[in-house]
Protein backbone atom coordinates (compact mmCIF):
# COMPACT_ATOMS: atom_id res chain seq x y z
CA MET A 1 0.00 0.00 0.00
CA THR A 2 2.78 2.47 0.77
CA ASP A 3 4.36 1.75 -2.60
CA ALA A 4 1.24 2.97 -4.38
CA MET A 5 1.23 6.16 -2.32
CA PHE A 6 4.77 7.18 -3.20
CA ARG A 7 5.09 5.85 -6.74
CA TYR A 8 5.57 8.44 -9.45
CA GLY A 9 6.41 8.27 -13.10
CA GLY A 10 9.76 9.37 -14.39
CA GLY A 11 12.62 10.26 -12.17
CA TRP A 12 15.03 13.12 -12.00
CA ASN A 13 18.30 11.69 -13.17
CA PRO A 14 20.84 14.35 -14.06
CA ARG A 15 23.16 13.45 -16.87
CA PRO A 16 26.71 14.72 -17.25
CA LEU A 17 27.35 17.50 -19.73
CA THR A 18 29.16 16.64 -22.93
CA LYS A 19 32.33 18.42 -24.00
CA LYS A 20 30.40 20.11 -26.79
CA GLU A 21 27.81 21.48 -24.34
CA ILE A 22 30.53 22.74 -21.99
CA GLU A 23 32.35 24.51 -24.83
CA LYS A 24 29.09 26.10 -25.96
CA MET A 25 28.43 27.37 -22.43
CA LYS A 26 31.95 28.80 -22.15
CA LYS A 27 31.56 30.58 -25.49
CA ILE A 28 28.29 32.15 -24.37
CA MET A 29 29.73 33.22 -21.01
CA LYS A 30 32.64 34.99 -22.73
CA LYS A 31 30.10 37.18 -24.54
CA VAL A 32 28.37 38.34 -21.35
CA PRO A 33 30.71 41.30 -20.55
CA ILE A 34 30.47 42.54 -24.15
CA ILE A 35 26.68 42.38 -24.11
CA LYS A 36 26.56 44.17 -20.74
CA ALA A 37 28.80 46.98 -22.03
CA ARG A 38 26.63 47.45 -25.11
CA ASN A 39 23.53 47.43 -22.92
CA ASP A 40 25.01 50.11 -20.64
CA ILE A 41 25.92 52.33 -23.60
CA TYR A 42 22.44 51.99 -25.06
CA HIS A 43 20.77 52.89 -21.77
CA GLU A 44 23.04 55.91 -21.28
CA GLN A 45 22.07 57.18 -24.74
CA GLU A 46 18.37 56.62 -24.06
CA GLU A 47 18.65 58.40 -20.71
CA LYS A 48 20.35 61.41 -22.31
CA LYS A 49 17.73 61.52 -25.03
CA ALA A 50 14.91 61.40 -22.48
CA ASP A 51 16.54 64.10 -20.33
CA ASN A 52 16.96 66.37 -23.37
CA GLU A 53 13.34 65.88 -24.39
CA PHE A 54 12.19 66.60 -20.83
CA GLU A 55 14.27 69.80 -20.67
CA ASN A 56 12.91 70.95 -24.05
CA ARG A 57 9.32 70.41 -22.90
CA LEU A 58 9.99 72.36 -19.70
CA LYS A 59 11.43 75.24 -21.72
CA GLU A 60 8.37 75.23 -23.97
CA LEU A 61 6.06 75.39 -20.96
CA GLU A 62 8.00 78.29 -19.41
CA GLN A 63 7.61 80.45 -22.52
């Protein structure tokens, strides 16, 4: 009876990574700093653009 209560289909059996999978992961991880730098540059440009637009709208309202 206890076997029926705790029986479940399929188990969680981790398998070891292949050399090809490990190399692929390493290649992707090497790109992370480059992607982060590009992301930071993009967000700085967007922030400057938004600040400039905000300042221009304030100037228009003051006039």
